[in-house]
């Protein structure tokens, strides 16, 4: 296996590299073994931290998207309400304009009769 193979999310498979190193060179002292173990622990900790950071980033991104979706839903609802109100006001204005025209026509007829 390729020791630099990507496991996913850009994290290198450190275990293969350490195993190959251990298999390639005999461990002669506890100090060397301790060094390998510390290196392994460090890599595992770094990879774990990176995984958790990526999970946190993804969760934050999902929360932002959910917030945007909710805002769009609220905006759409508000837009529908305003549109309905505008249509109602337009109907009222058209009715009043018709009444004003009728009053103007009646006034002209009355002015004609008076003159």
N, C-alpha and C. Protein backbone atom coordinates (compact mmCIF):
# COMPACT_ATOMS: atom_id res chain seq x y z
N UNK A 1 0.83 -1.20 0.00
CA UNK A 1 0.00 0.00 0.00
C UNK A 1 0.87 1.25 0.00
N UNK A 2 0.36 2.30 -0.59
CA UNK A 2 1.06 3.57 -0.64
C UNK A 2 0.96 4.27 0.71
N UNK A 3 2.07 4.56 1.39
CA UNK A 3 2.00 5.18 2.72
C UNK A 3 1.43 6.60 2.68
N UNK A 4 1.45 7.24 1.54
CA UNK A 4 0.90 8.60 1.43
C UNK A 4 -0.53 8.60 0.92
N UNK A 5 -1.15 7.42 0.87
CA UNK A 5 -2.52 7.31 0.37
C UNK A 5 -3.45 8.16 1.23
N UNK A 6 -4.40 8.77 0.58
CA UNK A 6 -5.37 9.61 1.27
C UNK A 6 -6.50 8.76 1.80
N UNK A 7 -6.79 8.87 3.08
CA UNK A 7 -7.88 8.12 3.70
C UNK A 7 -9.19 8.82 3.41
N UNK A 8 -9.16 10.11 3.34
CA UNK A 8 -10.37 10.90 3.11
C UNK A 8 -10.21 12.22 3.84
N UNK A 9 -10.88 13.24 3.35
CA UNK A 9 -10.82 14.57 3.93
C UNK A 9 -9.38 15.10 3.96
N UNK A 10 -8.51 14.60 3.11
CA UNK A 10 -7.16 15.12 3.03
C UNK A 10 -6.25 14.63 4.14
N UNK A 11 -6.63 13.60 4.87
CA UNK A 11 -5.83 13.11 5.99
C UNK A 11 -4.99 11.92 5.51
N UNK A 12 -3.68 11.97 5.76
CA UNK A 12 -2.78 10.91 5.31
C UNK A 12 -2.88 9.71 6.24
N UNK A 13 -2.81 8.54 5.67
CA UNK A 13 -2.87 7.32 6.46
C UNK A 13 -1.51 7.10 7.11
N UNK A 14 -1.33 7.65 8.31
CA UNK A 14 -0.05 7.61 9.02
C UNK A 14 0.29 6.21 9.50
N UNK A 15 -0.70 5.42 9.81
CA UNK A 15 -0.45 4.09 10.36
C UNK A 15 0.40 3.25 9.42
N UNK A 16 0.09 3.26 8.12
CA UNK A 16 0.86 2.47 7.15
C UNK A 16 2.32 2.88 7.15
N UNK A 17 2.57 4.17 7.22
CA UNK A 17 3.94 4.67 7.19
C UNK A 17 4.70 4.21 8.43
N UNK A 18 4.06 4.27 9.57
CA UNK A 18 4.72 3.86 10.81
C UNK A 18 4.99 2.35 10.80
N UNK A 19 4.01 1.57 10.35
CA UNK A 19 4.19 0.11 10.29
C UNK A 19 5.33 -0.24 9.35
N UNK A 20 5.39 0.41 8.18
CA UNK A 20 6.47 0.14 7.24
C UNK A 20 7.81 0.51 7.85
N UNK A 21 7.85 1.61 8.59
CA UNK A 21 9.09 2.02 9.24
C UNK A 21 9.51 0.98 10.27
N UNK A 22 8.53 0.53 11.06
CA UNK A 22 8.84 -0.46 12.09
C UNK A 22 9.27 -1.79 11.47
N UNK A 23 8.67 -2.18 10.38
CA UNK A 23 9.02 -3.44 9.74
C UNK A 23 10.38 -3.36 9.06
N UNK A 24 10.72 -2.18 8.57
CA UNK A 24 11.97 -2.02 7.83
C UNK A 24 13.20 -1.93 8.71
N UNK A 25 13.05 -1.47 9.94
CA UNK A 25 14.21 -1.31 10.82
C UNK A 25 13.90 -1.97 12.15
N UNK A 26 14.74 -2.88 12.57
CA UNK A 26 14.49 -3.54 13.85
C UNK A 26 14.60 -2.54 15.00
N UNK A 27 13.70 -2.67 15.94
CA UNK A 27 13.71 -1.79 17.10
C UNK A 27 14.64 -2.41 18.12
N UNK A 28 15.68 -1.66 18.49
CA UNK A 28 16.67 -2.25 19.39
C UNK A 28 16.54 -1.75 20.82
N UNK A 29 15.89 -0.60 21.00
CA UNK A 29 15.80 -0.07 22.37
C UNK A 29 14.39 0.39 22.66
N UNK A 30 14.10 0.46 23.94
CA UNK A 30 12.81 1.00 24.37
C UNK A 30 12.68 2.47 24.01
N UNK A 31 13.81 3.17 23.95
CA UNK A 31 13.79 4.59 23.61
C UNK A 31 13.30 4.78 22.18
N UNK A 32 13.80 3.95 21.27
CA UNK A 32 13.35 4.05 19.88
C UNK A 32 11.87 3.72 19.77
N UNK A 33 11.46 2.65 20.45
CA UNK A 33 10.05 2.27 20.43
C UNK A 33 9.19 3.39 21.00
N UNK A 34 9.65 4.00 22.10
CA UNK A 34 8.92 5.13 22.69
C UNK A 34 8.82 6.29 21.72
N UNK A 35 9.89 6.52 20.96
CA UNK A 35 9.87 7.59 19.96
C UNK A 35 8.85 7.32 18.87
N UNK A 36 8.81 6.06 18.41
CA UNK A 36 7.82 5.69 17.40
C UNK A 36 6.40 5.86 17.93
N UNK A 37 6.21 5.45 19.18
CA UNK A 37 4.87 5.56 19.78
C UNK A 37 4.46 7.03 19.94
N UNK A 38 5.40 7.88 20.36
CA UNK A 38 5.08 9.31 20.49
C UNK A 38 4.73 9.91 19.12
N UNK A 39 5.51 9.52 18.10
CA UNK A 39 5.23 10.01 16.74
C UNK A 39 3.85 9.55 16.29
N UNK A 40 3.56 8.27 16.56
CA UNK A 40 2.25 7.73 16.19
C UNK A 40 1.13 8.48 16.93
N UNK A 41 1.29 8.66 18.23
CA UNK A 41 0.28 9.37 19.02
C UNK A 41 0.08 10.79 18.51
N UNK A 42 1.18 11.45 18.17
CA UNK A 42 1.09 12.83 17.66
C UNK A 42 0.31 12.86 16.35
N UNK A 43 0.62 11.94 15.46
CA UNK A 43 -0.07 11.91 14.17
C UNK A 43 -1.55 11.59 14.33
N UNK A 44 -1.85 10.62 15.20
CA UNK A 44 -3.25 10.27 15.43
C UNK A 44 -3.99 11.47 16.02
N UNK A 45 -3.37 12.15 16.99
CA UNK A 45 -3.99 13.33 17.60
C UNK A 45 -4.22 14.43 16.56
N UNK A 46 -3.21 14.67 15.71
CA UNK A 46 -3.35 15.70 14.67
C UNK A 46 -4.47 15.34 13.69
N UNK A 47 -4.49 14.08 13.26
CA UNK A 47 -5.54 13.65 12.33
C UNK A 47 -6.92 13.75 12.97
N UNK A 48 -7.01 13.34 14.25
CA UNK A 48 -8.29 13.42 14.96
C UNK A 48 -8.73 14.87 15.09
N UNK A 49 -7.80 15.75 15.44
CA UNK A 49 -8.13 17.18 15.55
C UNK A 49 -8.60 17.73 14.22
N UNK A 50 -7.93 17.32 13.14
CA UNK A 50 -8.33 17.80 11.81
C UNK A 50 -9.73 17.30 11.45
N UNK A 51 -10.02 16.04 11.78
CA UNK A 51 -11.36 15.50 11.51
C UNK A 51 -12.41 16.30 12.27
N UNK A 52 -12.15 16.55 13.56
CA UNK A 52 -13.12 17.30 14.36
C UNK A 52 -13.28 18.73 13.85
N UNK A 53 -12.17 19.35 13.40
CA UNK A 53 -12.28 20.70 12.84
C UNK A 53 -13.15 20.69 11.59
N UNK A 54 -12.94 19.69 10.73
CA UNK A 54 -13.74 19.61 9.51
C UNK A 54 -15.21 19.34 9.82
N UNK A 55 -15.46 18.49 10.82
CA UNK A 55 -16.85 18.23 11.23
C UNK A 55 -17.49 19.50 11.78
N UNK A 56 -16.74 20.25 12.60
CA UNK A 56 -17.26 21.51 13.13
C UNK A 56 -17.56 22.50 12.01
N UNK A 57 -16.62 22.58 11.03
CA UNK A 57 -16.83 23.48 9.89
C UNK A 57 -18.08 23.08 9.13
N UNK A 58 -18.26 21.78 8.92
CA UNK A 58 -19.43 21.30 8.17
C UNK A 58 -20.71 21.59 8.94
N UNK A 59 -20.66 21.38 10.26
CA UNK A 59 -21.85 21.66 11.07
C UNK A 59 -22.18 23.15 11.04
N UNK A 60 -21.15 23.99 11.13
CA UNK A 60 -21.36 25.43 11.06
C UNK A 60 -21.96 25.81 9.72
N UNK A 61 -21.44 25.22 8.64
CA UNK A 61 -21.96 25.51 7.30
C UNK A 61 -23.42 25.09 7.18
N UNK A 62 -23.76 23.94 7.73
CA UNK A 62 -25.15 23.48 7.69
C UNK A 62 -26.05 24.41 8.49
N UNK A 63 -25.56 24.89 9.64
CA UNK A 63 -26.36 25.82 10.44
C UNK A 63 -26.58 27.12 9.68
N UNK A 64 -25.53 27.61 8.99
CA UNK A 64 -25.68 28.83 8.19
C UNK A 64 -26.69 28.63 7.07
N UNK A 65 -26.61 27.48 6.39
CA UNK A 65 -27.56 27.20 5.32
C UNK A 65 -28.98 27.10 5.85
N UNK A 66 -29.15 26.46 7.01
CA UNK A 66 -30.48 26.35 7.61
C UNK A 66 -31.01 27.74 7.96
N UNK A 67 -30.14 28.60 8.49
CA UNK A 67 -30.55 29.96 8.80
C UNK A 67 -30.96 30.73 7.56
N UNK A 68 -30.18 30.58 6.50
CA UNK A 68 -30.53 31.26 5.24
C UNK A 68 -31.86 30.75 4.70
N UNK A 69 -32.06 29.44 4.76
CA UNK A 69 -33.31 28.87 4.28
C UNK A 69 -34.49 29.42 5.08
N UNK A 70 -34.35 29.45 6.40
CA UNK A 70 -35.43 29.99 7.24
C UNK A 70 -35.69 31.45 6.93
N UNK A 71 -34.62 32.22 6.70
CA UNK A 71 -34.79 33.63 6.37
C UNK A 71 -35.52 33.78 5.03
N UNK A 72 -35.14 32.98 4.04
CA UNK A 72 -35.82 33.03 2.75
C UNK A 72 -37.29 32.65 2.88
N UNK A 73 -37.58 31.65 3.71
CA UNK A 73 -38.96 31.25 3.92
C UNK A 73 -39.75 32.38 4.56
N UNK A 74 -39.15 33.03 5.59
CA UNK A 74 -39.83 34.16 6.23
C UNK A 74 -40.01 35.32 5.25
N UNK A 75 -38.97 35.60 4.45
CA UNK A 75 -39.07 36.68 3.46
C UNK A 75 -40.15 36.37 2.43
N UNK A 76 -40.24 35.12 2.02
CA UNK A 76 -41.26 34.75 1.04
C UNK A 76 -42.65 34.94 1.64
N UNK A 77 -42.82 34.54 2.89
CA UNK A 77 -44.11 34.71 3.56
C UNK A 77 -44.44 36.20 3.68
N UNK A 78 -43.46 37.01 4.08
CA UNK A 78 -43.68 38.45 4.20
C UNK A 78 -44.01 39.05 2.84
N UNK A 79 -43.31 38.58 1.80
CA UNK A 79 -43.57 39.07 0.45
C UNK A 79 -44.99 38.74 0.01
N UNK A 80 -45.44 37.53 0.31
CA UNK A 80 -46.82 37.14 -0.03
C UNK A 80 -47.83 38.03 0.68
N UNK A 81 -47.58 38.32 1.96
CA UNK A 81 -48.50 39.19 2.71
C UNK A 81 -48.55 40.59 2.12
N UNK A 82 -47.38 41.14 1.80
CA UNK A 82 -47.32 42.49 1.22
C UNK A 82 -48.00 42.51 -0.15
N UNK A 83 -47.76 41.49 -0.96
CA UNK A 83 -48.40 41.42 -2.28
C UNK A 83 -49.92 41.39 -2.15
N UNK A 84 -50.42 40.59 -1.21
CA UNK A 84 -51.87 40.54 -0.99
C UNK A 84 -52.41 41.89 -0.55
N UNK A 85 -51.65 42.57 0.32
CA UNK A 85 -52.09 43.89 0.78
C UNK A 85 -52.08 44.90 -0.36
N UNK A 86 -51.06 44.85 -1.20
CA UNK A 86 -50.99 45.76 -2.36
C UNK A 86 -52.16 45.51 -3.29
N UNK A 87 -52.49 44.24 -3.53
CA UNK A 87 -53.63 43.93 -4.40
C UNK A 87 -54.93 44.48 -3.81
N UNK A 88 -55.07 44.36 -2.50
CA UNK A 88 -56.27 44.88 -1.84
C UNK A 88 -56.35 46.40 -1.96
N UNK A 89 -55.20 47.05 -1.72
CA UNK A 89 -55.17 48.52 -1.84
C UNK A 89 -55.44 48.95 -3.28
N UNK A 90 -54.91 48.22 -4.24
CA UNK A 90 -55.14 48.56 -5.65
C UNK A 90 -56.63 48.46 -5.98
N UNK A 91 -57.27 47.41 -5.49
CA UNK A 91 -58.71 47.26 -5.70
C UNK A 91 -59.47 48.43 -5.10
N UNK A 92 -59.06 48.83 -3.89
CA UNK A 92 -59.71 49.97 -3.22
C UNK A 92 -59.51 51.25 -4.02
N UNK A 93 -58.28 51.49 -4.49
CA UNK A 93 -57.98 52.71 -5.26
C UNK A 93 -58.77 52.71 -6.56
N UNK A 94 -58.83 51.57 -7.25
CA UNK A 94 -59.59 51.51 -8.51
C UNK A 94 -61.06 51.81 -8.26
N UNK A 95 -61.60 51.28 -7.17
CA UNK A 95 -63.00 51.57 -6.82
C UNK A 95 -63.20 53.05 -6.54
N UNK A 96 -62.26 53.65 -5.81
CA UNK A 96 -62.38 55.08 -5.51
C UNK A 96 -62.21 55.92 -6.76
N UNK A 97 -61.33 55.52 -7.68
CA UNK A 97 -61.17 56.27 -8.92
C UNK A 97 -62.46 56.22 -9.75
N UNK A 98 -63.10 55.06 -9.78
CA UNK A 98 -64.38 54.94 -10.49
C UNK A 98 -65.41 55.86 -9.85
N UNK A 99 -65.47 55.88 -8.53
CA UNK A 99 -66.42 56.75 -7.83
C UNK A 99 -66.12 58.22 -8.10
N UNK A 100 -64.84 58.58 -8.14
CA UNK A 100 -64.46 59.97 -8.44
C UNK A 100 -64.89 60.35 -9.85
N UNK A 101 -64.67 59.46 -10.83
CA UNK A 101 -65.11 59.75 -12.21
C UNK A 101 -66.63 59.94 -12.27
N UNK A 102 -67.35 59.07 -11.57
CA UNK A 102 -68.81 59.20 -11.55
C UNK A 102 -69.24 60.52 -10.91
N UNK A 103 -68.56 60.91 -9.84
CA UNK A 103 -68.88 62.20 -9.19
C UNK A 103 -68.56 63.38 -10.11
N UNK A 104 -67.43 63.31 -10.82
CA UNK A 104 -67.09 64.37 -11.79
C UNK A 104 -68.15 64.46 -12.88
N UNK A 105 -68.58 63.31 -13.40
CA UNK A 105 -69.61 63.30 -14.45
C UNK A 105 -70.91 63.88 -13.90
N UNK A 106 -71.29 63.50 -12.69
CA UNK A 106 -72.52 64.04 -12.09
C UNK A 106 -72.40 65.53 -11.87
N UNK A 107 -71.22 65.99 -11.44
CA UNK A 107 -71.01 67.42 -11.22
C UNK A 107 -71.10 68.18 -12.53
N UNK A 108 -70.51 67.63 -13.62
CA UNK A 108 -70.61 68.30 -14.92
C UNK A 108 -72.05 68.40 -15.38
N UNK A 109 -72.81 67.31 -15.18
CA UNK A 109 -74.23 67.35 -15.56
C UNK A 109 -74.96 68.42 -14.74
N UNK A 110 -74.68 68.49 -13.45
CA UNK A 110 -75.34 69.49 -12.60
C UNK A 110 -74.93 70.89 -13.03
N UNK A 111 -73.64 71.08 -13.36
CA UNK A 111 -73.18 72.40 -13.80
C UNK A 111 -73.86 72.79 -15.12
N UNK A 112 -74.07 71.80 -15.99
CA UNK A 112 -74.74 72.08 -17.26
C UNK A 112 -76.18 72.50 -17.02
N UNK A 113 -76.84 71.83 -16.10
CA UNK A 113 -78.24 72.16 -15.80
C UNK A 113 -78.31 73.55 -15.17
N UNK A 114 -77.40 73.88 -14.30
CA UNK A 114 -77.41 75.19 -13.63
C UNK A 114 -77.11 76.30 -14.62
N UNK A 115 -76.22 76.08 -15.55
CA UNK A 115 -75.85 77.14 -16.48
C UNK A 115 -76.89 77.35 -17.46
